[in-house]
Amino acid sequence: MDTAKQVDRLIGEALEIIPSFTSGRGSFNTMPELGYTARHPGEWQREFLRMVDGQYLTAFKPDTNDILILVELVNYWTLAHLPSPTFPRHDGTPLLTPVRMVSTIVGYALFEMLARKLGPGRLGGGSLRNVLTRLERGSSCPDLAEDLKSLNTKMRYKEGGKDVDLYDRLKKGRDQLMHGNVLRTFEPEGWLLVLLIDLIVLHVMRQEITKHNTASL
């Protein structure tokens, strides 16, 4: 399959899957009987992992290799069919790794890292919402900025009597993490974060593939 066409299709499918996350943090519906019509996220992730290619991620230099490894890790951690990994205690006793918690912690850090790398100039400090808002106003990957803006509009919901959206949800989770409050063994927000991370990666790949194809004409 042509890589550019595959990337385009995966981006389109991601934009259908991601809004299916409900307002409840990490809650996700994949049941057709409850109205779910998008592709199953796990199946989508497996295809993404088969085709993601570091040669089209030079926008992340000099950290391309490290970022690619982290992207693959958060995808593996959130694939339900994988066995739960263990790690040995000092006495050799195996302990289960709290993969949902780990994927959420790494997911927030990686998502923000990628957003800042693609933003205008050096974004500096500030909340994650400010980073994403500034990304909309000037990004090295404008198509990504437009898709994030569209997802933010689609994913509005009520919380505590207030209207909130995707950016608010991400800011809240990131702020909780910074204060040590997203350290629950069954923290599930990584399921949403991994798809947003993969969407960023796909947009960067598409942009670099387009430049490569144009230069070779």
Protein backbone atom coordinates (compact mmCIF):
# COMPACT_ATOMS: atom_id res chain seq x y z
CA MET A 1 0.00 0.00 0.00
CA ASP A 2 1.19 3.51 -0.80
CA THR A 3 2.53 4.98 2.46
CA ALA A 4 1.06 8.44 1.86
CA LYS A 5 -2.42 7.01 1.27
CA GLN A 6 -2.13 4.79 4.33
CA VAL A 7 -1.13 7.77 6.49
CA ASP A 8 -4.06 9.81 5.15
CA ARG A 9 -6.49 6.99 5.92
CA LEU A 10 -5.13 6.48 9.44
CA ILE A 11 -5.44 10.21 10.17
CA GLY A 12 -9.06 10.16 9.01
CA GLU A 13 -9.83 7.13 11.15
CA ALA A 14 -8.14 8.68 14.20
CA LEU A 15 -10.35 11.75 13.84
CA GLU A 16 -13.36 9.42 14.08
CA ILE A 17 -12.03 7.32 16.96
CA ILE A 18 -10.77 10.07 19.30
CA PRO A 19 -14.12 11.90 19.79
CA SER A 20 -15.62 8.62 21.00
CA PHE A 21 -13.89 9.14 24.34
CA THR A 22 -16.55 10.32 26.76
CA SER A 23 -16.28 13.13 29.27
CA GLY A 24 -15.49 10.62 32.01
CA ARG A 25 -11.69 10.57 32.13
CA GLY A 26 -10.45 7.60 30.16
CA SER A 27 -13.95 6.25 29.51
CA PHE A 28 -14.29 4.77 26.03
CA ASN A 29 -17.10 3.06 24.19
CA THR A 30 -16.35 0.54 21.43
CA MET A 31 -19.73 -1.20 21.52
CA PRO A 32 -21.74 -0.97 18.28
CA GLU A 33 -24.95 -1.56 20.21
CA LEU A 34 -24.26 1.69 22.10
CA GLY A 35 -23.77 3.65 18.89
CA TYR A 36 -20.04 3.22 18.27
CA THR A 37 -19.28 3.25 14.54
CA ALA A 38 -15.54 4.02 14.31
CA ARG A 39 -12.74 1.48 13.88
CA HIS A 40 -11.63 -0.34 17.03
CA PRO A 41 -8.72 1.68 18.52
CA GLY A 42 -6.58 -1.38 19.28
CA GLU A 43 -6.78 -2.60 15.69
CA TRP A 44 -5.95 0.93 14.49
CA GLN A 45 -2.92 1.11 16.82
CA ARG A 46 -1.55 -2.19 15.55
CA GLU A 47 -1.64 -0.91 11.97
CA PHE A 48 -0.02 2.35 13.10
CA LEU A 49 2.84 0.45 14.75
CA ARG A 50 3.46 -1.57 11.59
CA MET A 51 3.89 1.52 9.42
CA VAL A 52 5.37 4.27 11.64
CA ASP A 53 8.78 5.16 10.21
CA GLY A 54 11.48 7.29 11.82
CA GLN A 55 12.88 8.40 8.46
CA TYR A 56 9.81 10.64 8.12
CA LEU A 57 10.12 12.14 11.60
CA THR A 58 13.11 14.44 11.12
CA ALA A 59 11.02 17.31 12.50
CA PHE A 60 11.81 15.86 15.92
CA LYS A 61 15.60 15.95 15.51
CA PRO A 62 17.83 15.49 17.47
CA ASP A 63 15.38 13.43 19.52
CA THR A 64 13.79 11.39 16.72
CA ASN A 65 15.00 7.99 17.90
CA ASP A 66 14.09 8.54 21.55
CA ILE A 67 10.66 9.88 20.59
CA LEU A 68 10.01 6.93 18.27
CA ILE A 69 10.86 4.50 21.10
CA LEU A 70 8.51 6.30 23.51
CA VAL A 71 5.74 6.38 20.89
CA GLU A 72 6.05 2.63 20.42
CA LEU A 73 6.11 2.02 24.18
CA VAL A 74 2.92 3.96 24.95
CA ASN A 75 1.19 2.10 22.12
CA TYR A 76 2.28 -1.31 23.43
CA TRP A 77 1.29 -0.39 26.98
CA THR A 78 -2.25 0.50 25.89
CA LEU A 79 -2.90 -2.52 23.67
CA ALA A 80 -5.24 -4.74 25.68
CA HIS A 81 -4.13 -8.01 24.08
CA LEU A 82 -0.59 -7.74 25.42
CA PRO A 83 0.29 -9.63 28.63
CA SER A 84 0.90 -7.45 31.67
CA PRO A 85 4.68 -6.96 32.02
CA THR A 86 6.45 -7.63 35.29
CA PHE A 87 9.64 -6.37 36.91
CA PRO A 88 11.73 -8.04 39.63
CA ARG A 89 11.89 -6.75 43.19
CA HIS A 90 15.23 -6.72 45.00
CA ASP A 91 14.50 -10.27 46.19
CA GLY A 92 13.60 -11.48 42.69
CA THR A 93 9.84 -11.57 43.30
CA PRO A 94 8.02 -10.52 40.10
CA LEU A 95 5.65 -7.56 40.37
CA LEU A 96 3.07 -6.49 37.83
CA THR A 97 3.85 -3.17 36.16
CA PRO A 98 0.98 -0.65 36.55
CA VAL A 99 0.90 -0.06 32.79
CA ARG A 100 -2.18 2.19 32.77
CA MET A 101 -0.59 4.52 35.27
CA VAL A 102 2.75 4.47 33.43
CA SER A 103 1.16 5.04 30.02
CA THR A 104 -0.73 8.04 31.39
CA ILE A 105 2.33 9.62 33.00
CA VAL A 106 4.54 9.11 29.94
CA GLY A 107 1.63 9.99 27.64
CA TYR A 108 1.16 13.46 29.14
CA ALA A 109 4.88 14.17 29.02
CA LEU A 110 5.30 12.90 25.44
CA PHE A 111 2.18 14.66 24.12
CA GLU A 112 3.32 18.00 25.53
CA MET A 113 6.87 17.45 24.27
CA LEU A 114 5.65 16.90 20.71
CA ALA A 115 3.24 19.84 20.83
CA ARG A 116 6.00 22.16 22.00
CA LYS A 117 8.41 20.93 19.31
CA LEU A 118 5.89 21.78 16.60
CA GLY A 119 4.78 25.11 18.06
CA PRO A 120 5.92 28.58 17.01
CA GLY A 121 9.45 29.26 18.24
CA ARG A 122 10.13 28.37 21.84
CA LEU A 123 6.81 28.05 23.63
CA GLY A 124 8.42 28.31 27.03
CA GLY A 125 6.32 27.74 30.14
CA GLY A 126 2.61 28.02 30.64
CA SER A 127 -0.27 25.58 30.84
CA LEU A 128 -0.85 22.83 28.33
CA ARG A 129 -3.98 24.63 27.15
CA ASN A 130 -1.88 27.70 26.31
CA VAL A 131 0.60 25.51 24.43
CA LEU A 132 -2.19 24.01 22.32
CA THR A 133 -3.85 27.38 21.71
CA ARG A 134 -0.56 28.86 20.53
CA LEU A 135 -0.01 25.80 18.36
CA GLU A 136 -3.24 26.66 16.54
CA ARG A 137 -1.97 30.17 15.81
CA GLY A 138 1.35 29.15 14.35
CA SER A 139 2.66 25.63 13.84
CA SER A 140 5.25 24.00 11.61
CA CYS A 141 2.47 21.48 10.91
CA PRO A 142 -0.68 23.56 10.21
CA ASP A 143 -2.89 20.58 9.25
CA LEU A 144 -2.27 19.07 12.68
CA ALA A 145 -3.18 22.36 14.36
CA GLU A 146 -6.47 22.43 12.45
CA ASP A 147 -7.30 18.85 13.43
CA LEU A 148 -6.57 19.51 17.12
CA LYS A 149 -8.76 22.61 16.95
CA SER A 150 -11.57 20.56 15.40
CA LEU A 151 -11.26 17.82 18.04
CA ASN A 152 -11.33 20.44 20.78
CA THR A 153 -14.64 21.72 19.43
CA LYS A 154 -16.15 18.24 19.05
CA MET A 155 -15.17 17.06 22.52
CA ARG A 156 -17.04 19.62 24.62
CA TYR A 157 -18.93 18.43 27.65
CA LYS A 158 -20.32 19.56 31.00
CA GLU A 159 -18.35 19.18 34.21
CA GLY A 160 -19.31 20.78 37.49
CA GLY A 161 -21.91 22.89 35.72
CA LYS A 162 -19.30 24.37 33.38
CA ASP A 163 -18.63 23.91 29.67
CA VAL A 164 -15.24 22.30 29.17
CA ASP A 165 -13.48 20.84 26.15
CA LEU A 166 -10.60 18.56 25.16
CA TYR A 167 -7.94 21.17 25.97
CA ASP A 168 -9.45 21.70 29.43
CA ARG A 169 -9.45 17.96 30.01
CA LEU A 170 -5.80 17.63 28.99
CA LYS A 171 -4.79 20.65 31.08
CA LYS A 172 -6.57 19.24 34.13
CA GLY A 173 -4.88 15.86 33.79
CA ARG A 174 -1.47 17.39 33.20
CA ASP A 175 -1.86 19.70 36.21
CA GLN A 176 -2.91 16.77 38.39
CA LEU A 177 0.14 14.87 37.25
CA MET A 178 2.41 17.79 38.14
CA HIS A 179 0.94 17.74 41.65
CA GLY A 180 1.28 13.98 42.04
CA ASN A 181 -2.42 13.22 41.71
CA VAL A 182 -2.35 10.99 38.61
CA LEU A 183 -0.57 8.14 40.30
CA ARG A 184 -3.36 5.58 40.48
CA THR A 185 -2.66 2.00 39.41
CA PHE A 186 -5.72 1.99 37.16
CA GLU A 187 -5.34 5.52 35.75
CA PRO A 188 -6.82 5.08 32.24
CA GLU A 189 -6.23 8.41 30.49
CA GLY A 190 -3.34 6.93 28.50
CA TRP A 191 -5.89 5.41 26.10
CA LEU A 192 -6.79 8.90 24.88
CA LEU A 193 -3.29 10.34 25.02
CA VAL A 194 -1.76 7.59 22.89
CA LEU A 195 -4.17 8.30 20.03
CA LEU A 196 -3.43 12.02 20.20
CA ILE A 197 0.30 11.26 20.17
CA ASP A 198 -0.11 8.95 17.17
CA LEU A 199 -2.14 11.63 15.37
CA ILE A 200 0.74 14.09 15.80
CA VAL A 201 3.23 11.52 14.49
CA LEU A 202 1.07 10.76 11.45
CA HIS A 203 0.76 14.44 10.56
CA VAL A 204 4.52 14.90 10.73
CA MET A 205 5.01 11.82 8.57
CA ARG A 206 2.49 13.05 6.00
CA GLN A 207 4.15 16.46 5.80
CA GLU A 208 7.62 14.98 5.32
CA ILE A 209 6.42 12.39 2.79
CA THR A 210 4.77 15.19 0.78
CA LYS A 211 8.02 17.23 0.80
CA HIS A 212 10.01 14.15 -0.24
CA ASN A 213 7.63 13.35 -3.11
CA THR A 214 7.63 16.98 -4.29
CA ALA A 215 11.43 17.17 -4.25
CA SER A 216 11.73 13.97 -6.27
CA LEU A 217 9.54 15.27 -9.13
